[in-house]
C-alpha cells in the first residue's frame, strides 16, 4: 500500500470515500447509493436510501474543527430540532447513539470525524438576494439568537468563546516579527491601529449578550425552500456575541454584492431582525475589520506569496474606513 504522501489527490479521495462507506455501516440505514457531492473544505457525500430518504455525510477534514467543535454543532442541532421549527438539518445518530464518529483506517493519517445529517431541500439563498429574502434572513438570525440565549447546553458542551479577532486557537502570526518584514512602516502602523480598535470593540460589548451562535451563517449556508429559509453548516457553533454573528454574515454579503446594494440589503435584514429582537449595540463594521485581519493572518500562515498584495489591499481599505467609517469593497 502506498504511503499517504505518495498518493495523488484522486487516490487520497478514494481512501476517504472508503472510510466514508465504513462510517455508513455504523448507522441503521439501508444505503442504496452514496456519491461525492462536493469537496468544500470537507468532503460531503450524498446518501440515498432504498426507501427514498436522502442524507448528507460530512467527513470533517482533520485539524479544521476539533471533535469538541463538531459535538457542539450536533448537540445544538439536536436541540433546535427538538425545540423549534427553524428547519436546520437533523443529526442522525449511529447504532450506538453517537452523533460524531471518529473514523480512522490503515493508509489514512489522522482521524476524520463523520457526521450524518438529513438532506435540506431548496436552493442556496445566494441565488435570491432580494430585500424580502434578506428580511427573512434577519428573522432567521433573531430566531437562532433567541434559542441560543434561552437554551441550557448539557455538561461538556464547548467553552470556546469568540471574543477576539482570533478565537479558535490559531497562532497570531500576522503581527509577529517574522511577518513584520512584509510591511512598510505606514502599513504596519494602520494594521496595528485597526487590531487595537477591533480588540477594544470586543471588550466593550455587553457580556450579558453572549450566547450560542452559528458564527458562519451567510447566504451560502442557507437554503430557500418554498419561501422558508433553512440554515445549515453549523460546524462553527461557538459562544459569542449577536453582533459578531451578524457582522460575519453581513461581511460575506458585502463582499458579494458590493457597497451600494449592500446598504439596501442590510437595512432589509435589520428590519426583519427587529421584528423579533432589538438590534445589538456596537459597531458592526469594526468587527468586520476583525474578520479581514483574520483573513490576513490566514494568508500569513498559508499563502505568504500573496501576503504583500493582501497587505496593500487592506491597508487602503483600512485608511478609507478611518476616513469614512464605512468598509468599501
C-alpha atoms as a PDB file:
ATOM      1  CA  UNK A   1       0.000   0.000   0.000  1.00  0.00           C
ATOM      2  CA  UNK A   2       1.309   3.429  -0.980  1.00  0.00           C
ATOM      3  CA  UNK A   3       2.051   5.941   1.742  1.00  0.00           C
ATOM      4  CA  UNK A   4      -0.494   8.755   2.009  1.00  0.00           C
ATOM      5  CA  UNK A   5       2.022  11.394   0.939  1.00  0.00           C
ATOM      6  CA  UNK A   6       2.745   9.493  -2.273  1.00  0.00           C
ATOM      7  CA  UNK A   7      -0.903   9.388  -3.372  1.00  0.00           C
ATOM      8  CA  UNK A   8      -2.454  11.678  -5.949  1.00  0.00           C
ATOM      9  CA  UNK A   9      -5.414  13.779  -4.813  1.00  0.00           C
ATOM     10  CA  UNK A  10      -7.695  11.282  -6.547  1.00  0.00           C
ATOM     11  CA  UNK A  11      -6.022   8.444  -4.665  1.00  0.00           C
ATOM     12  CA  UNK A  12      -6.461  10.201  -1.345  1.00  0.00           C
ATOM     13  CA  UNK A  13     -10.115  10.841  -2.116  1.00  0.00           C
ATOM     14  CA  UNK A  14     -10.667   7.166  -2.918  1.00  0.00           C
ATOM     15  CA  UNK A  15      -9.373   6.219   0.516  1.00  0.00           C
ATOM     16  CA  UNK A  16     -11.527   8.849   2.203  1.00  0.00           C
ATOM     17  CA  UNK A  17     -14.542   7.596   0.267  1.00  0.00           C
ATOM     18  CA  UNK A  18     -13.867   4.076   1.511  1.00  0.00           C
ATOM     19  CA  UNK A  19     -13.655   5.461   5.034  1.00  0.00           C
ATOM     20  CA  UNK A  20     -16.978   7.239   4.493  1.00  0.00           C
ATOM     21  CA  UNK A  21     -18.547   3.958   3.399  1.00  0.00           C
ATOM     22  CA  UNK A  22     -17.263   2.353   6.590  1.00  0.00           C
ATOM     23  CA  UNK A  23     -18.879   5.155   8.590  1.00  0.00           C
ATOM     24  CA  UNK A  24     -22.252   4.470   6.942  1.00  0.00           C
ATOM     25  CA  UNK A  25     -22.025   0.853   8.100  1.00  0.00           C
ATOM     26  CA  UNK A  26     -22.342   2.188  11.657  1.00  0.00           C
ATOM     27  CA  UNK A  27     -25.832   3.614  11.014  1.00  0.00           C
ATOM     28  CA  UNK A  28     -29.079   1.690  10.894  1.00  0.00           C
ATOM     29  CA  UNK A  29     -29.750   2.944   7.379  1.00  0.00           C
ATOM     30  CA  UNK A  30     -30.330   0.916   4.218  1.00  0.00           C
ATOM     31  CA  UNK A  31     -27.962   2.678   1.818  1.00  0.00           C
ATOM     32  CA  UNK A  32     -28.865   2.381  -1.852  1.00  0.00           C
ATOM     33  CA  UNK A  33     -26.162   4.764  -3.141  1.00  0.00           C
ATOM     34  CA  UNK A  34     -23.515   7.137  -1.859  1.00  0.00           C
ATOM     35  CA  UNK A  35     -21.680   9.625  -4.069  1.00  0.00           C
ATOM     36  CA  UNK A  36     -19.303  12.510  -3.529  1.00  0.00           C
ATOM     37  CA  UNK A  37     -21.469  15.646  -3.529  1.00  0.00           C
ATOM     38  CA  UNK A  38     -18.743  18.258  -3.199  1.00  0.00           C
ATOM     39  CA  UNK A  39     -15.399  18.910  -1.520  1.00  0.00           C
ATOM     40  CA  UNK A  40     -15.604  22.352   0.117  1.00  0.00           C
ATOM     41  CA  UNK A  41     -13.098  22.200   2.995  1.00  0.00           C
ATOM     42  CA  UNK A  42     -14.700  18.851   3.924  1.00  0.00           C
ATOM     43  CA  UNK A  43     -15.749  16.018   1.588  1.00  0.00           C
ATOM     44  CA  UNK A  44     -19.554  15.759   1.544  1.00  0.00           C
ATOM     45  CA  UNK A  45     -21.368  12.648   0.341  1.00  0.00           C
ATOM     46  CA  UNK A  46     -24.961  12.436  -0.866  1.00  0.00           C
ATOM     47  CA  UNK A  47     -26.556   9.313   0.587  1.00  0.00           C
ATOM     48  CA  UNK A  48     -29.760   7.809  -0.823  1.00  0.00           C
ATOM     49  CA  UNK A  49     -31.702   5.025   0.892  1.00  0.00           C
ATOM     50  CA  UNK A  50     -33.755   2.250  -0.640  1.00  0.00           C
ATOM     51  CA  UNK A  51     -36.850   3.957   0.811  1.00  0.00           C
ATOM     52  CA  UNK A  52     -36.125   7.259  -0.935  1.00  0.00           C
ATOM     53  CA  UNK A  53     -34.694   9.226   2.008  1.00  0.00           C
ATOM     54  CA  UNK A  54     -31.668  11.489   1.453  1.00  0.00           C
ATOM     55  CA  UNK A  55     -28.813  12.422   3.772  1.00  0.00           C
ATOM     56  CA  UNK A  56     -25.505  14.265   3.720  1.00  0.00           C
ATOM     57  CA  UNK A  57     -22.445  12.609   5.236  1.00  0.00           C
ATOM     58  CA  UNK A  58     -19.639  15.005   6.129  1.00  0.00           C
ATOM     59  CA  UNK A  59     -16.116  13.726   6.658  1.00  0.00           C
ATOM     60  CA  UNK A  60     -14.539  16.574   8.641  1.00  0.00           C
ATOM     61  CA  UNK A  61     -11.046  17.475   7.452  1.00  0.00           C
ATOM     62  CA  UNK A  62      -8.558  16.785  10.282  1.00  0.00           C
ATOM     63  CA  UNK A  63      -7.394  19.935  12.035  1.00  0.00           C
ATOM     64  CA  UNK A  64     -10.116  22.212  10.629  1.00  0.00           C
ATOM     65  CA  UNK A  65     -12.551  21.712  13.512  1.00  0.00           C
ATOM     66  CA  UNK A  66     -11.994  19.704  16.670  1.00  0.00           C
ATOM     67  CA  UNK A  67     -14.116  16.805  17.870  1.00  0.00           C
ATOM     68  CA  UNK A  68     -15.410  19.147  20.600  1.00  0.00           C
ATOM     69  CA  UNK A  69     -16.460  21.691  17.944  1.00  0.00           C
ATOM     70  CA  UNK A  70     -18.379  19.060  15.990  1.00  0.00           C
ATOM     71  CA  UNK A  71     -20.011  17.704  19.139  1.00  0.00           C
ATOM     72  CA  UNK A  72     -21.185  21.247  19.949  1.00  0.00           C
ATOM     73  CA  UNK A  73     -22.722  21.507  16.483  1.00  0.00           C
ATOM     74  CA  UNK A  74     -24.517  18.179  16.881  1.00  0.00           C
ATOM     75  CA  UNK A  75     -25.863  18.947  20.355  1.00  0.00           C
ATOM     76  CA  UNK A  76     -27.238  22.316  19.254  1.00  0.00           C
ATOM     77  CA  UNK A  77     -28.804  20.837  16.120  1.00  0.00           C
ATOM     78  CA  UNK A  78     -30.464  18.184  18.290  1.00  0.00           C
ATOM     79  CA  UNK A  79     -31.876  20.967  20.487  1.00  0.00           C
ATOM     80  CA  UNK A  80     -33.037  23.062  17.517  1.00  0.00           C
ATOM     81  CA  UNK A  81     -34.828  20.033  16.084  1.00  0.00           C
ATOM     82  CA  UNK A  82     -36.492  19.388  19.439  1.00  0.00           C
ATOM     83  CA  UNK A  83     -37.341  22.962  20.404  1.00  0.00           C
ATOM     84  CA  UNK A  84     -38.022  24.880  17.170  1.00  0.00           C
ATOM     85  CA  UNK A  85     -39.325  24.740  13.621  1.00  0.00           C
ATOM     86  CA  UNK A  86     -36.276  26.592  12.248  1.00  0.00           C
ATOM     87  CA  UNK A  87     -35.706  23.794   9.753  1.00  0.00           C
ATOM     88  CA  UNK A  88     -31.991  23.127  10.190  1.00  0.00           C
ATOM     89  CA  UNK A  89     -30.634  19.674   9.329  1.00  0.00           C
ATOM     90  CA  UNK A  90     -31.399  16.867  11.745  1.00  0.00           C
ATOM     91  CA  UNK A  91     -28.460  14.931  13.134  1.00  0.00           C
ATOM     92  CA  UNK A  92     -28.638  11.190  12.578  1.00  0.00           C
ATOM     93  CA  UNK A  93     -27.216   9.090  15.388  1.00  0.00           C
ATOM     94  CA  UNK A  94     -25.344   5.845  14.870  1.00  0.00           C
ATOM     95  CA  UNK A  95     -26.464   2.415  16.078  1.00  0.00           C
ATOM     96  CA  UNK A  96     -24.515   3.199  19.256  1.00  0.00           C
ATOM     97  CA  UNK A  97     -26.209   6.593  19.648  1.00  0.00           C
ATOM     98  CA  UNK A  98     -23.209   8.650  18.538  1.00  0.00           C
ATOM     99  CA  UNK A  99     -23.591  11.955  16.692  1.00  0.00           C
ATOM    100  CA  UNK A 100     -19.933  12.296  15.665  1.00  0.00           C
ATOM    101  CA  UNK A 101     -17.999   9.192  14.628  1.00  0.00           C
ATOM    102  CA  UNK A 102     -14.176   9.329  14.772  1.00  0.00           C
ATOM    103  CA  UNK A 103     -13.051   7.295  11.758  1.00  0.00           C
ATOM    104  CA  UNK A 104      -9.552   6.006  11.103  1.00  0.00           C
ATOM    105  CA  UNK A 105      -8.091   3.293   8.918  1.00  0.00           C
ATOM    106  CA  UNK A 106      -4.773   1.943   7.672  1.00  0.00           C
ATOM    107  CA  UNK A 107      -3.323   4.155   4.992  1.00  0.00           C
ATOM    108  CA  UNK A 108      -5.109   7.318   6.167  1.00  0.00           C
ATOM    109  CA  UNK A 109      -3.287   9.532   8.658  1.00  0.00           C
ATOM    110  CA  UNK A 110      -5.173  11.191  11.486  1.00  0.00           C
ATOM    111  CA  UNK A 111      -8.837  10.902  12.360  1.00  0.00           C
ATOM    112  CA  UNK A 112     -11.686  12.005  10.085  1.00  0.00           C
ATOM    113  CA  UNK A 113     -14.842  12.746  12.087  1.00  0.00           C
ATOM    114  CA  UNK A 114     -18.035  11.650  10.342  1.00  0.00           C
ATOM    115  CA  UNK A 115     -21.403  13.370  10.836  1.00  0.00           C
ATOM    116  CA  UNK A 116     -24.607  12.299   9.084  1.00  0.00           C
ATOM    117  CA  UNK A 117     -27.451  14.799   8.647  1.00  0.00           C
ATOM    118  CA  UNK A 118     -30.757  14.934   6.837  1.00  0.00           C
ATOM    119  CA  UNK A 119     -30.743  16.495   3.386  1.00  0.00           C
ATOM    120  CA  UNK A 120     -32.118  20.035   3.209  1.00  0.00           C
ATOM    121  CA  UNK A 121     -34.467  20.775   0.311  1.00  0.00           C
ATOM    122  CA  UNK A 122     -34.330  24.014  -1.634  1.00  0.00           C
ATOM    123  CA  UNK A 123     -31.688  26.131  -3.390  1.00  0.00           C
ATOM    124  CA  UNK A 124     -28.973  28.330  -1.969  1.00  0.00           C
ATOM    125  CA  UNK A 125     -30.152  31.748  -0.828  1.00  0.00           C
ATOM    126  CA  UNK A 126     -27.137  33.126  -2.707  1.00  0.00           C
ATOM    127  CA  UNK A 127     -29.222  32.919  -5.905  1.00  0.00           C
ATOM    128  CA  UNK A 128     -32.060  35.008  -4.434  1.00  0.00           C
ATOM    129  CA  UNK A 129     -30.562  38.017  -2.646  1.00  0.00           C
ATOM    130  CA  UNK A 130     -33.670  40.200  -2.631  1.00  0.00           C
ATOM    131  CA  UNK A 131     -34.806  42.615   0.063  1.00  0.00           C
ATOM    132  CA  UNK A 132     -37.710  40.360   1.029  1.00  0.00           C
ATOM    133  CA  UNK A 133     -35.399  37.378   1.461  1.00  0.00           C
ATOM    134  CA  UNK A 134     -32.944  39.443   3.490  1.00  0.00           C
ATOM    135  CA  UNK A 135     -35.816  40.344   5.812  1.00  0.00           C
ATOM    136  CA  UNK A 136     -36.398  36.631   6.279  1.00  0.00           C
ATOM    137  CA  UNK A 137     -32.685  36.164   6.861  1.00  0.00           C
ATOM    138  CA  UNK A 138     -32.812  38.760   9.632  1.00  0.00           C
ATOM    139  CA  UNK A 139     -35.734  36.914  11.206  1.00  0.00           C
ATOM    140  CA  UNK A 140     -33.790  33.646  10.985  1.00  0.00           C
ATOM    141  CA  UNK A 141     -30.783  35.156  12.764  1.00  0.00           C
ATOM    142  CA  UNK A 142     -33.038  36.507  15.504  1.00  0.00           C
ATOM    143  CA  UNK A 143     -34.785  33.144  15.963  1.00  0.00           C
ATOM    144  CA  UNK A 144     -31.424  31.418  16.350  1.00  0.00           C
ATOM    145  CA  UNK A 145     -30.276  34.133  18.760  1.00  0.00           C
ATOM    146  CA  UNK A 146     -33.389  33.666  20.876  1.00  0.00           C
ATOM    147  CA  UNK A 147     -32.778  29.928  21.134  1.00  0.00           C
ATOM    148  CA  UNK A 148     -29.034  30.347  21.645  1.00  0.00           C
ATOM    149  CA  UNK A 149     -29.737  32.533  24.683  1.00  0.00           C
ATOM    150  CA  UNK A 150     -32.547  30.516  26.259  1.00  0.00           C
ATOM    151  CA  UNK A 151     -31.007  27.088  25.691  1.00  0.00           C
ATOM    152  CA  UNK A 152     -29.052  25.470  28.521  1.00  0.00           C
ATOM    153  CA  UNK A 153     -26.394  23.256  26.911  1.00  0.00           C
ATOM    154  CA  UNK A 154     -25.535  19.965  28.603  1.00  0.00           C
ATOM    155  CA  UNK A 155     -22.432  19.290  30.662  1.00  0.00           C
ATOM    156  CA  UNK A 156     -19.369  19.019  28.474  1.00  0.00           C
ATOM    157  CA  UNK A 157     -20.555  21.494  25.848  1.00  0.00           C
ATOM    158  CA  UNK A 158     -17.804  23.610  24.285  1.00  0.00           C
ATOM    159  CA  UNK A 159     -16.469  26.519  26.344  1.00  0.00           C
ATOM    160  CA  UNK A 160     -14.977  28.195  23.274  1.00  0.00           C
ATOM    161  CA  UNK A 161     -15.803  31.928  23.160  1.00  0.00           C
ATOM    162  CA  UNK A 162     -15.339  34.151  20.106  1.00  0.00           C
ATOM    163  CA  UNK A 163     -14.271  37.469  21.595  1.00  0.00           C
ATOM    164  CA  UNK A 164     -11.104  38.451  19.682  1.00  0.00           C
ATOM    165  CA  UNK A 165     -10.209  38.693  16.014  1.00  0.00           C
ATOM    166  CA  UNK A 166      -8.623  35.255  16.503  1.00  0.00           C
ATOM    167  CA  UNK A 167     -10.560  32.972  18.848  1.00  0.00           C
ATOM    168  CA  UNK A 168     -10.061  29.383  17.654  1.00  0.00           C
ATOM    169  CA  UNK A 169      -6.560  28.774  18.990  1.00  0.00           C
ATOM    170  CA  UNK A 170      -4.893  29.692  15.698  1.00  0.00           C
ATOM    171  CA  UNK A 171      -1.475  31.311  16.081  1.00  0.00           C
ATOM    172  CA  UNK A 172      -1.345  35.052  15.536  1.00  0.00           C
ATOM    173  CA  UNK A 173       1.498  35.299  13.037  1.00  0.00           C
ATOM    174  CA  UNK A 174       0.298  38.483  11.338  1.00  0.00           C
ATOM    175  CA  UNK A 175       1.878  40.702  13.975  1.00  0.00           C
ATOM    176  CA  UNK A 176       4.934  38.543  14.604  1.00  0.00           C
ATOM    177  CA  UNK A 177       8.496  39.662  13.990  1.00  0.00           C
ATOM    178  CA  UNK A 178       8.838  37.215  11.086  1.00  0.00           C
ATOM    179  CA  UNK A 179       5.830  38.718   9.295  1.00  0.00           C
ATOM    180  CA  UNK A 180       6.736  42.346  10.051  1.00  0.00           C
ATOM    181  CA  UNK A 181       9.328  42.316   7.249  1.00  0.00           C
ATOM    182  CA  UNK A 182       6.430  42.196   4.760  1.00  0.00           C
ATOM    183  CA  UNK A 183       5.064  45.552   5.959  1.00  0.00           C
ATOM    184  CA  UNK A 184       6.287  49.055   5.279  1.00  0.00           C
ATOM    185  CA  UNK A 185       6.124  51.184   8.456  1.00  0.00           C
ATOM    186  CA  UNK A 186       2.948  53.064   7.465  1.00  0.00           C
ATOM    187  CA  UNK A 187       1.036  49.894   6.613  1.00  0.00           C
ATOM    188  CA  UNK A 188       2.129  48.154   9.800  1.00  0.00           C
ATOM    189  CA  UNK A 189       1.012  51.169  11.820  1.00  0.00           C
ATOM    190  CA  UNK A 190      -2.505  51.124  10.390  1.00  0.00           C
ATOM    191  CA  UNK A 191      -2.817  47.345  10.807  1.00  0.00           C
ATOM    192  CA  UNK A 192      -1.888  47.754  14.479  1.00  0.00           C
ATOM    193  CA  UNK A 193      -4.384  50.613  14.912  1.00  0.00           C
ATOM    194  CA  UNK A 194      -7.170  48.530  13.385  1.00  0.00           C
ATOM    195  CA  UNK A 195      -6.265  45.499  15.507  1.00  0.00           C
ATOM    196  CA  UNK A 196      -6.370  47.614  18.669  1.00  0.00           C
ATOM    197  CA  UNK A 197      -9.716  49.079  17.642  1.00  0.00           C
ATOM    198  CA  UNK A 198     -11.153  45.611  16.973  1.00  0.00           C
ATOM    199  CA  UNK A 199      -9.977  44.274  20.324  1.00  0.00           C
ATOM    200  CA  UNK A 200     -11.387  47.342  22.101  1.00  0.00           C
ATOM    201  CA  UNK A 201     -14.737  46.827  20.357  1.00  0.00           C
ATOM    202  CA  UNK A 202     -14.987  43.220  21.523  1.00  0.00           C
ATOM    203  CA  UNK A 203     -14.030  44.290  25.057  1.00  0.00           C
ATOM    204  CA  UNK A 204     -16.783  46.946  25.075  1.00  0.00           C
ATOM    205  CA  UNK A 205     -19.632  44.576  24.124  1.00  0.00           C
ATOM    206  CA  UNK A 206     -22.160  43.579  26.769  1.00  0.00           C
ATOM    207  CA  UNK A 207     -21.080  40.224  28.224  1.00  0.00           C
ATOM    208  CA  UNK A 208     -24.724  39.542  29.037  1.00  0.00           C
ATOM    209  CA  UNK A 209     -25.348  39.300  25.301  1.00  0.00           C
ATOM    210  CA  UNK A 210     -23.150  36.206  24.914  1.00  0.00           C
ATOM    211  CA  UNK A 211     -24.995  33.089  23.759  1.00  0.00           C
ATOM    212  CA  UNK A 212     -24.529  30.093  21.473  1.00  0.00           C
ATOM    213  CA  UNK A 213     -24.222  31.344  17.880  1.00  0.00           C
ATOM    214  CA  UNK A 214     -23.807  29.819  14.438  1.00  0.00           C
ATOM    215  CA  UNK A 215     -20.771  32.020  13.655  1.00  0.00           C
ATOM    216  CA  UNK A 216     -20.771  31.295   9.907  1.00  0.00           C
ATOM    217  CA  UNK A 217     -24.348  31.961   8.823  1.00  0.00           C
ATOM    218  CA  UNK A 218     -24.267  33.594   5.410  1.00  0.00           C
ATOM    219  CA  UNK A 219     -26.186  33.337   2.170  1.00  0.00           C
ATOM    220  CA  UNK A 220     -24.347  30.205   1.010  1.00  0.00           C
ATOM    221  CA  UNK A 221     -25.115  28.405   4.276  1.00  0.00           C
ATOM    222  CA  UNK A 222     -28.872  28.953   3.942  1.00  0.00           C
ATOM    223  CA  UNK A 223     -31.335  27.290   1.581  1.00  0.00           C
ATOM    224  CA  UNK A 224     -34.566  28.794   0.307  1.00  0.00           C
ATOM    225  CA  UNK A 225     -37.277  26.142   0.331  1.00  0.00           C
ATOM    226  CA  UNK A 226     -40.736  27.257  -0.887  1.00  0.00           C
ATOM    227  CA  UNK A 227     -40.304  30.612   0.831  1.00  0.00           C
ATOM    228  CA  UNK A 228     -38.750  29.225   4.033  1.00  0.00           C
ATOM    229  CA  UNK A 229     -35.086  29.790   4.895  1.00  0.00           C
ATOM    230  CA  UNK A 230     -33.243  26.739   6.214  1.00  0.00           C
ATOM    231  CA  UNK A 231     -29.787  27.192   7.809  1.00  0.00           C
ATOM    232  CA  UNK A 232     -27.026  24.592   7.657  1.00  0.00           C
ATOM    233  CA  UNK A 233     -23.269  24.127   8.197  1.00  0.00           C
ATOM    234  CA  UNK A 234     -23.242  24.611  11.967  1.00  0.00           C
ATOM    235  CA  UNK A 235     -19.675  23.318  12.421  1.00  0.00           C
ATOM    236  CA  UNK A 236     -18.503  26.732  13.713  1.00  0.00           C
ATOM    237  CA  UNK A 237     -21.017  26.668  16.620  1.00  0.00           C
ATOM    238  CA  UNK A 238     -19.490  28.662  19.458  1.00  0.00           C
ATOM    239  CA  UNK A 239     -20.300  31.047  22.297  1.00  0.00           C
ATOM    240  CA  UNK A 240     -20.297  34.621  21.081  1.00  0.00           C
ATOM    241  CA  UNK A 241     -21.979  37.995  20.668  1.00  0.00           C
ATOM    242  CA  UNK A 242     -25.013  38.596  18.468  1.00  0.00           C
ATOM    243  CA  UNK A 243     -23.195  41.468  16.792  1.00  0.00           C
ATOM    244  CA  UNK A 244     -20.306  39.195  15.848  1.00  0.00           C
ATOM    245  CA  UNK A 245     -22.681  36.645  14.318  1.00  0.00           C
ATOM    246  CA  UNK A 246     -24.404  39.348  12.270  1.00  0.00           C
ATOM    247  CA  UNK A 247     -21.140  41.043  11.277  1.00  0.00           C
ATOM    248  CA  UNK A 248     -19.695  37.858   9.782  1.00  0.00           C
ATOM    249  CA  UNK A 249     -22.774  37.123   7.676  1.00  0.00           C
ATOM    250  CA  UNK A 250     -23.081  40.706   6.504  1.00  0.00           C
ATOM    251  CA  UNK A 251     -19.400  40.939   5.541  1.00  0.00           C
ATOM    252  CA  UNK A 252     -19.903  37.957   3.226  1.00  0.00           C
ATOM    253  CA  UNK A 253     -22.917  39.767   1.791  1.00  0.00           C
ATOM    254  CA  UNK A 254     -20.884  42.953   1.288  1.00  0.00           C
ATOM    255  CA  UNK A 255     -18.140  41.017  -0.494  1.00  0.00           C
ATOM    256  CA  UNK A 256     -20.760  39.501  -2.808  1.00  0.00           C
ATOM    257  CA  UNK A 257     -22.960  42.479  -3.762  1.00  0.00           C
ATOM    258  CA  UNK A 258     -20.656  45.448  -3.054  1.00  0.00           C
ATOM    259  CA  UNK A 259     -21.416  48.569  -1.101  1.00  0.00           C
ATOM    260  CA  UNK A 260     -24.426  50.284  -2.713  1.00  0.00           C
ATOM    261  CA  UNK A 261     -26.583  47.152  -2.914  1.00  0.00           C
ATOM    262  CA  UNK A 262     -25.302  46.041   0.485  1.00  0.00           C
ATOM    263  CA  UNK A 263     -26.699  49.070   2.302  1.00  0.00           C
ATOM    264  CA  UNK A 264     -30.165  48.309   0.903  1.00  0.00           C
ATOM    265  CA  UNK A 265     -29.983  44.618   1.840  1.00  0.00           C
ATOM    266  CA  UNK A 266     -28.533  45.319   5.297  1.00  0.00           C
ATOM    267  CA  UNK A 267     -31.478  47.630   6.009  1.00  0.00           C
ATOM    268  CA  UNK A 268     -33.873  44.849   4.972  1.00  0.00           C
ATOM    269  CA  UNK A 269     -32.018  42.345   7.152  1.00  0.00           C
ATOM    270  CA  UNK A 270     -32.225  44.684  10.127  1.00  0.00           C
ATOM    271  CA  UNK A 271     -35.937  45.255   9.537  1.00  0.00           C
ATOM    272  CA  UNK A 272     -36.544  41.522   9.727  1.00  0.00           C
ATOM    273  CA  UNK A 273     -34.300  41.064  12.744  1.00  0.00           C
ATOM    274  CA  UNK A 274     -36.027  43.812  14.704  1.00  0.00           C
ATOM    275  CA  UNK A 275     -39.428  42.150  14.331  1.00  0.00           C
ATOM    276  CA  UNK A 276     -38.105  39.670  16.916  1.00  0.00           C
ATOM    277  CA  UNK A 277     -35.175  41.245  18.795  1.00  0.00           C
ATOM    278  CA  UNK A 278     -33.656  44.659  19.347  1.00  0.00           C
ATOM    279  CA  UNK A 279     -30.582  45.324  17.226  1.00  0.00           C
ATOM    280  CA  UNK A 280     -27.411  44.665  19.267  1.00  0.00           C
ATOM    281  CA  UNK A 281     -25.297  47.614  20.332  1.00  0.00           C
ATOM    282  CA  UNK A 282     -21.805  48.088  18.940  1.00  0.00           C
ATOM    283  CA  UNK A 283     -20.003  48.851  15.692  1.00  0.00           C
ATOM    284  CA  UNK A 284     -20.638  46.106  13.151  1.00  0.00           C
ATOM    285  CA  UNK A 285     -18.019  47.487  10.746  1.00  0.00           C
ATOM    286  CA  UNK A 286     -15.233  47.232  13.317  1.00  0.00           C
ATOM    287  CA  UNK A 287     -15.970  43.543  13.892  1.00  0.00           C
ATOM    288  CA  UNK A 288     -15.936  43.067  10.133  1.00  0.00           C
ATOM    289  CA  UNK A 289     -12.477  44.614  10.077  1.00  0.00           C
ATOM    290  CA  UNK A 290     -11.526  41.954  12.608  1.00  0.00           C
ATOM    291  CA  UNK A 291     -12.586  39.300  10.115  1.00  0.00           C
ATOM    292  CA  UNK A 292     -10.359  40.911   7.487  1.00  0.00           C
ATOM    293  CA  UNK A 293      -7.468  40.786   9.944  1.00  0.00           C
ATOM    294  CA  UNK A 294      -8.222  37.080  10.413  1.00  0.00           C
ATOM    295  CA  UNK A 295      -8.022  36.605   6.636  1.00  0.00           C
ATOM    296  CA  UNK A 296      -4.706  38.450   6.550  1.00  0.00           C
ATOM    297  CA  UNK A 297      -3.431  36.227   9.346  1.00  0.00           C
ATOM    298  CA  UNK A 298      -4.533  33.137   7.385  1.00  0.00           C
ATOM    299  CA  UNK A 299      -2.631  34.436   4.366  1.00  0.00           C
ATOM    300  CA  UNK A 300       0.451  34.993   6.524  1.00  0.00           C
ATOM    301  CA  UNK A 301       0.210  31.361   7.659  1.00  0.00           C
ATOM    302  CA  UNK A 302      -0.613  29.563   4.428  1.00  0.00           C
ATOM    303  CA  UNK A 303      -0.227  31.950   1.473  1.00  0.00           C
ATOM    304  CA  UNK A 304       2.862  34.052   2.071  1.00  0.00           C
ATOM    305  CA  UNK A 305       3.360  34.605  -1.654  1.00  0.00           C
ATOM    306  CA  UNK A 306       0.103  36.610  -1.629  1.00  0.00           C
ATOM    307  CA  UNK A 307       0.651  38.432   1.647  1.00  0.00           C
ATOM    308  CA  UNK A 308       2.129  41.559   0.090  1.00  0.00           C
ATOM    309  CA  UNK A 309      -0.905  42.050  -2.140  1.00  0.00           C
ATOM    310  CA  UNK A 310      -3.274  41.469   0.756  1.00  0.00           C
ATOM    311  CA  UNK A 311      -1.436  43.980   2.947  1.00  0.00           C
ATOM    312  CA  UNK A 312      -1.628  46.572   0.168  1.00  0.00           C
ATOM    313  CA  UNK A 313      -5.350  45.923  -0.395  1.00  0.00           C
ATOM    314  CA  UNK A 314      -6.296  46.019   3.275  1.00  0.00           C
ATOM    315  CA  UNK A 315      -4.107  48.997   4.138  1.00  0.00           C
ATOM    316  CA  UNK A 316      -6.004  51.040   1.563  1.00  0.00           C
ATOM    317  CA  UNK A 317      -9.342  49.723   2.825  1.00  0.00           C
ATOM    318  CA  UNK A 318      -8.430  50.435   6.467  1.00  0.00           C
ATOM    319  CA  UNK A 319      -7.402  54.004   5.662  1.00  0.00           C
ATOM    320  CA  UNK A 320     -10.660  54.620   3.841  1.00  0.00           C
ATOM    321  CA  UNK A 321     -12.546  53.214   6.816  1.00  0.00           C
ATOM    322  CA  UNK A 322     -10.772  55.643   9.144  1.00  0.00           C
ATOM    323  CA  UNK A 323     -11.810  58.481   6.829  1.00  0.00           C
ATOM    324  CA  UNK A 324     -15.434  57.450   6.225  1.00  0.00           C
ATOM    325  CA  UNK A 325     -16.434  54.945   8.945  1.00  0.00           C
ATOM    326  CA  UNK A 326     -17.509  52.521   6.196  1.00  0.00           C
ATOM    327  CA  UNK A 327     -15.991  49.466   4.562  1.00  0.00           C
ATOM    328  CA  UNK A 328     -16.000  49.915   0.775  1.00  0.00           C
ATOM    329  CA  UNK A 329     -15.427  46.762  -1.261  1.00  0.00           C
END
